[in-house]
Structure formats: structure tokens, C-alpha cells
């Protein structure tokens, strides 16, 4: 499985926005984007005029990095979204939110999407009672996600800090089991992104 292996704090600095890629560290004074709030590189502190294409590119890059996807994965997801009924941009965000790794993160069972992806890959979860180890699978309303029986005694899950759960999800912290109540609407996605710019970029 292809994945990004370089410094993730550099990505937040490049987008000039916290993408919360390192979990709890992003909320502390150690956050790199807080200590160095400028674009990385030799000319990072210089002021640059951004073109229309540059603005569209930054929106795409920010969204892609927020969910931890590489370019081919993100583009293929967009192509799928463009074939669905409704607005392509909203369909894209909906498909990204319904990824297995994102659901695990949203339920508070991992501190970051990178950690949730690792936990899913290692086979710690089931969907509707069946073991799942593919982070990219798309879930649907009614699916039940649970920590596997043999993984429930792990301090990783028992000692996890509580975090707000989106309204379109439920979580039973005692049973370490959650359900997708409904497909998320655009208003349920807390990422500040102008998805229409991504559509414009890929439509060129």
C-alpha cells in the first residue's frame, strides 16, 4: 500500500493550516506550524502572488493531505464522485468521509488518520462482524464498526481520551462498537475547504 513517509508537519506548514496529522501533538506548543507559521523552504517567508490555478491546487492538496491520500487515490475518488448524482464536490467529501480509516478516526478510536490507517491494516476492527484490514474501503449507513474481541483489552483502546463524535455516527465506548447512522451531509464535514475549486481544477 503506497503511503506518504516524509515529515507530515511540513505538509501543514505548506498549506499554512493545521491539518491535525499527528494527533494530540497538534494541540501542543510542539506543533511545527505554530512554531514556524510560514511555508517551508528557502523562500518560505517571502510573499508570493497566487494565481487562480495555484488557489485551486492548494485546495486540492490541502484536502488530499487532510485525509492522507496520494494523488492517484484522490483522483480516482474524484472520478467516482463525478459519476454519482448530485454535486461532484460534495460527493467527493462524502466518499472521503466514508473511508474505513476516516470512520475509525471520527469515532475517536485513533488519535489521527495515520494511526487509524495503521490500526485497520493490522486487523483490529470488524465491519458487520467481519474482519477488515483495508483502510480505503467505503462504508455505508447502517454498517457497524467494532474493535475485534482480542484487541479490546489493549490499553490503546481502553485508555483513549474522549473526543466529540459527529452526529452521523454513534459509539458505545464500553463495547467499543459504533454505527454509521446516516451518510454525512456537507454540513457534517468540518474541513474548511472550497470543494468547487477542486472540481474546477480536475475539469481543466
Protein backbone atom coordinates (compact mmCIF):
# COMPACT_ATOMS: atom_id res chain seq x y z
CA UNK A 1 0.00 0.00 0.00
CA UNK A 2 1.52 3.30 -1.09
CA UNK A 3 1.69 5.99 1.55
CA UNK A 4 3.45 9.26 2.38
CA UNK A 5 6.52 8.65 4.53
CA UNK A 6 8.13 12.09 4.82
CA UNK A 7 7.70 14.70 7.59
CA UNK A 8 3.96 15.38 7.95
CA UNK A 9 4.39 18.66 9.87
CA UNK A 10 5.90 20.06 6.70
CA UNK A 11 2.57 19.47 4.96
CA UNK A 12 0.70 21.59 7.48
CA UNK A 13 3.23 24.38 7.07
CA UNK A 14 2.96 24.19 3.29
CA UNK A 15 -0.82 24.62 3.45
CA UNK A 16 -0.43 27.29 6.16
CA UNK A 17 -3.12 25.50 8.14
CA UNK A 18 -3.28 22.85 10.84
CA UNK A 19 -4.32 19.56 9.27
CA UNK A 20 -4.03 17.64 12.58
CA UNK A 21 -1.89 14.92 11.05
CA UNK A 22 -0.06 14.00 14.28
CA UNK A 23 -2.97 13.67 16.67
CA UNK A 24 -2.56 15.17 20.15
CA UNK A 25 0.81 16.75 19.30
CA UNK A 26 -1.03 19.23 17.07
CA UNK A 27 -2.75 20.69 20.15
CA UNK A 28 0.50 21.40 22.00
CA UNK A 29 3.22 24.01 21.72
CA UNK A 30 5.38 21.46 19.90
CA UNK A 31 3.28 21.82 16.75
CA UNK A 32 5.61 22.87 13.92
CA UNK A 33 3.01 25.03 12.18
CA UNK A 34 2.58 27.01 15.40
CA UNK A 35 6.31 27.50 15.99
CA UNK A 36 7.08 28.26 12.33
CA UNK A 37 3.94 29.67 10.73
CA UNK A 38 5.39 30.09 7.26
CA UNK A 39 5.84 27.93 4.19
CA UNK A 40 8.88 25.61 4.39
CA UNK A 41 11.85 26.12 2.11
CA UNK A 42 14.44 28.79 1.38
CA UNK A 43 11.87 31.33 0.19
CA UNK A 44 9.09 30.32 2.54
CA UNK A 45 8.87 33.69 4.27
CA UNK A 46 8.60 35.66 1.06
CA UNK A 47 5.26 37.00 -0.15
CA UNK A 48 4.00 35.43 -3.34
CA UNK A 49 1.07 36.23 -5.56
CA UNK A 50 -1.08 33.12 -6.06
CA UNK A 51 -2.69 32.53 -9.45
CA UNK A 52 -6.16 31.07 -9.99
CA UNK A 53 -4.59 27.70 -10.77
CA UNK A 54 -2.44 27.97 -7.65
CA UNK A 55 -5.51 28.59 -5.49
CA UNK A 56 -7.26 25.55 -6.95
CA UNK A 57 -4.16 23.42 -6.49
CA UNK A 58 -3.78 24.40 -2.84
CA UNK A 59 -7.40 23.43 -2.10
CA UNK A 60 -6.85 20.05 -3.71
CA UNK A 61 -3.53 19.46 -1.95
CA UNK A 62 -4.96 20.50 1.42
CA UNK A 63 -7.94 18.14 1.12
CA UNK A 64 -5.79 15.27 -0.14
CA UNK A 65 -3.34 15.66 2.72
CA UNK A 66 -6.08 16.09 5.31
CA UNK A 67 -7.39 12.61 4.50
CA UNK A 68 -3.92 11.14 3.94
CA UNK A 69 -4.31 10.13 0.30
CA UNK A 70 -1.79 10.12 -2.52
CA UNK A 71 -2.59 11.73 -5.88
CA UNK A 72 -3.82 8.63 -7.72
CA UNK A 73 -6.05 7.60 -4.82
CA UNK A 74 -7.53 11.08 -4.56
CA UNK A 75 -8.06 11.46 -8.30
CA UNK A 76 -9.75 8.07 -8.56
CA UNK A 77 -12.06 9.03 -5.70
CA UNK A 78 -12.94 12.23 -7.55
CA UNK A 79 -13.71 10.28 -10.73
CA UNK A 80 -16.07 8.07 -8.75
CA UNK A 81 -17.69 11.13 -7.17
CA UNK A 82 -18.17 12.79 -10.56
CA UNK A 83 -20.20 9.79 -11.77
CA UNK A 84 -22.65 9.98 -8.88
CA UNK A 85 -25.82 12.07 -8.80
CA UNK A 86 -25.51 15.48 -7.18
CA UNK A 87 -22.63 17.91 -6.83
CA UNK A 88 -19.25 16.34 -7.55
CA UNK A 89 -17.50 18.31 -4.81
CA UNK A 90 -19.93 17.25 -2.11
CA UNK A 91 -19.88 13.66 -3.38
CA UNK A 92 -16.09 13.71 -3.12
CA UNK A 93 -16.11 14.81 0.52
CA UNK A 94 -18.82 12.26 1.30
CA UNK A 95 -16.76 9.42 -0.19
CA UNK A 96 -13.68 10.55 1.73
CA UNK A 97 -15.62 10.68 4.99
CA UNK A 98 -16.96 7.15 4.45
CA UNK A 99 -13.50 5.57 4.15
CA UNK A 100 -12.81 2.98 6.82
CA UNK A 101 -9.74 4.77 8.20
CA UNK A 102 -11.63 8.06 8.46
CA UNK A 103 -14.58 6.43 10.25
CA UNK A 104 -12.25 4.90 12.85
CA UNK A 105 -10.70 8.33 13.42
CA UNK A 106 -14.06 10.11 13.56
CA UNK A 107 -15.29 7.64 16.17
CA UNK A 108 -12.36 8.56 18.38
CA UNK A 109 -10.75 5.12 18.20
CA UNK A 110 -7.47 6.63 16.93
CA UNK A 111 -5.72 9.94 17.57
CA UNK A 112 -5.06 10.64 13.88
CA UNK A 113 -6.00 9.27 10.47
CA UNK A 114 -2.47 7.90 10.06
CA UNK A 115 -2.85 5.93 13.28
CA UNK A 116 -6.33 4.72 12.31
CA UNK A 117 -4.95 3.53 8.96
CA UNK A 118 -2.27 1.55 10.77
CA UNK A 119 -4.77 0.03 13.21
CA UNK A 120 -7.09 -1.01 10.39
CA UNK A 121 -4.19 -2.52 8.41
CA UNK A 122 -3.19 -4.56 11.47
CA UNK A 123 -6.67 -6.08 11.60
CA UNK A 124 -8.01 -4.59 14.87
CA UNK A 125 -11.51 -3.90 13.52
CA UNK A 126 -14.55 -5.65 12.12
CA UNK A 127 -17.38 -4.35 9.95
CA UNK A 128 -20.71 -6.07 10.45
CA UNK A 129 -18.88 -8.87 12.27
CA UNK A 130 -16.26 -9.50 9.57
CA UNK A 131 -12.58 -8.66 9.94
CA UNK A 132 -11.45 -5.73 7.79
CA UNK A 133 -7.84 -4.75 7.08
CA UNK A 134 -8.24 -2.39 4.11
CA UNK A 135 -8.29 1.29 5.16
CA UNK A 136 -9.73 2.53 1.85
CA UNK A 137 -12.95 0.51 1.74
CA UNK A 138 -16.11 2.64 1.56
CA UNK A 139 -18.72 2.07 4.25
CA UNK A 140 -22.41 2.91 4.18
CA UNK A 141 -25.25 3.87 6.50
CA UNK A 142 -26.11 1.04 8.87
CA UNK A 143 -22.63 -0.50 8.96
CA UNK A 144 -21.41 -1.47 12.42
CA UNK A 145 -17.71 -0.97 13.17
CA UNK A 146 -16.23 -2.69 16.22
CA UNK A 147 -12.86 -3.39 17.79
CA UNK A 148 -12.09 -7.12 17.47
CA UNK A 149 -12.63 -9.21 20.58
CA UNK A 150 -8.95 -10.00 21.10
CA UNK A 151 -7.97 -6.32 20.72
CA UNK A 152 -10.44 -4.90 23.25
CA UNK A 153 -8.20 -5.49 26.26
CA UNK A 154 -5.47 -3.32 24.74
CA UNK A 155 -4.75 -0.14 26.70
CA UNK A 156 -4.71 1.63 23.35
CA UNK A 157 -8.48 1.41 23.18
CA UNK A 158 -9.36 1.30 26.88
CA UNK A 159 -7.35 4.41 27.79
CA UNK A 160 -8.18 6.51 24.74
CA UNK A 161 -9.25 10.10 25.56
CA UNK A 162 -12.84 11.06 24.80
CA UNK A 163 -13.41 13.18 21.73
CA UNK A 164 -16.63 14.63 20.26
CA UNK A 165 -18.32 12.22 17.83
CA UNK A 166 -20.10 13.56 14.71
CA UNK A 167 -23.89 13.33 14.79
CA UNK A 168 -23.94 10.91 11.89
CA UNK A 169 -22.02 8.35 13.94
CA UNK A 170 -22.62 6.62 17.26
CA UNK A 171 -20.12 4.97 19.60
CA UNK A 172 -20.58 2.65 22.56
CA UNK A 173 -17.38 3.22 24.49
CA UNK A 174 -17.90 0.21 26.74
CA UNK A 175 -18.47 -2.21 23.87
CA UNK A 176 -16.00 -0.36 21.59
CA UNK A 177 -18.58 -0.51 18.84
CA UNK A 178 -20.05 2.19 16.63
CA UNK A 179 -22.60 2.60 13.88
CA UNK A 180 -22.91 4.84 10.82
CA UNK A 181 -26.34 6.33 11.45
CA UNK A 182 -26.54 8.13 8.12
CA UNK A 183 -24.43 9.28 5.21
CA UNK A 184 -22.77 12.60 6.17
CA UNK A 185 -24.09 15.81 4.60
CA UNK A 186 -21.82 18.66 3.54
CA UNK A 187 -22.52 20.45 6.80
CA UNK A 188 -21.19 17.48 8.76
CA UNK A 189 -17.71 17.86 7.24
CA UNK A 190 -15.72 20.24 9.45
CA UNK A 191 -12.89 20.72 6.95
CA UNK A 192 -12.72 24.30 5.69
CA UNK A 193 -12.31 23.59 2.01
CA UNK A 194 -13.84 25.07 -1.11
CA UNK A 195 -14.57 21.84 -2.93
CA UNK A 196 -15.79 23.64 -6.06
CA UNK A 197 -12.17 24.69 -6.68
CA UNK A 198 -11.15 21.02 -6.74
CA UNK A 199 -13.86 20.32 -9.29
CA UNK A 200 -12.66 23.25 -11.41
CA UNK A 201 -9.06 22.02 -11.21
CA UNK A 202 -9.87 18.49 -12.36
CA UNK A 203 -12.25 19.79 -15.03
CA UNK A 204 -9.50 21.63 -16.89
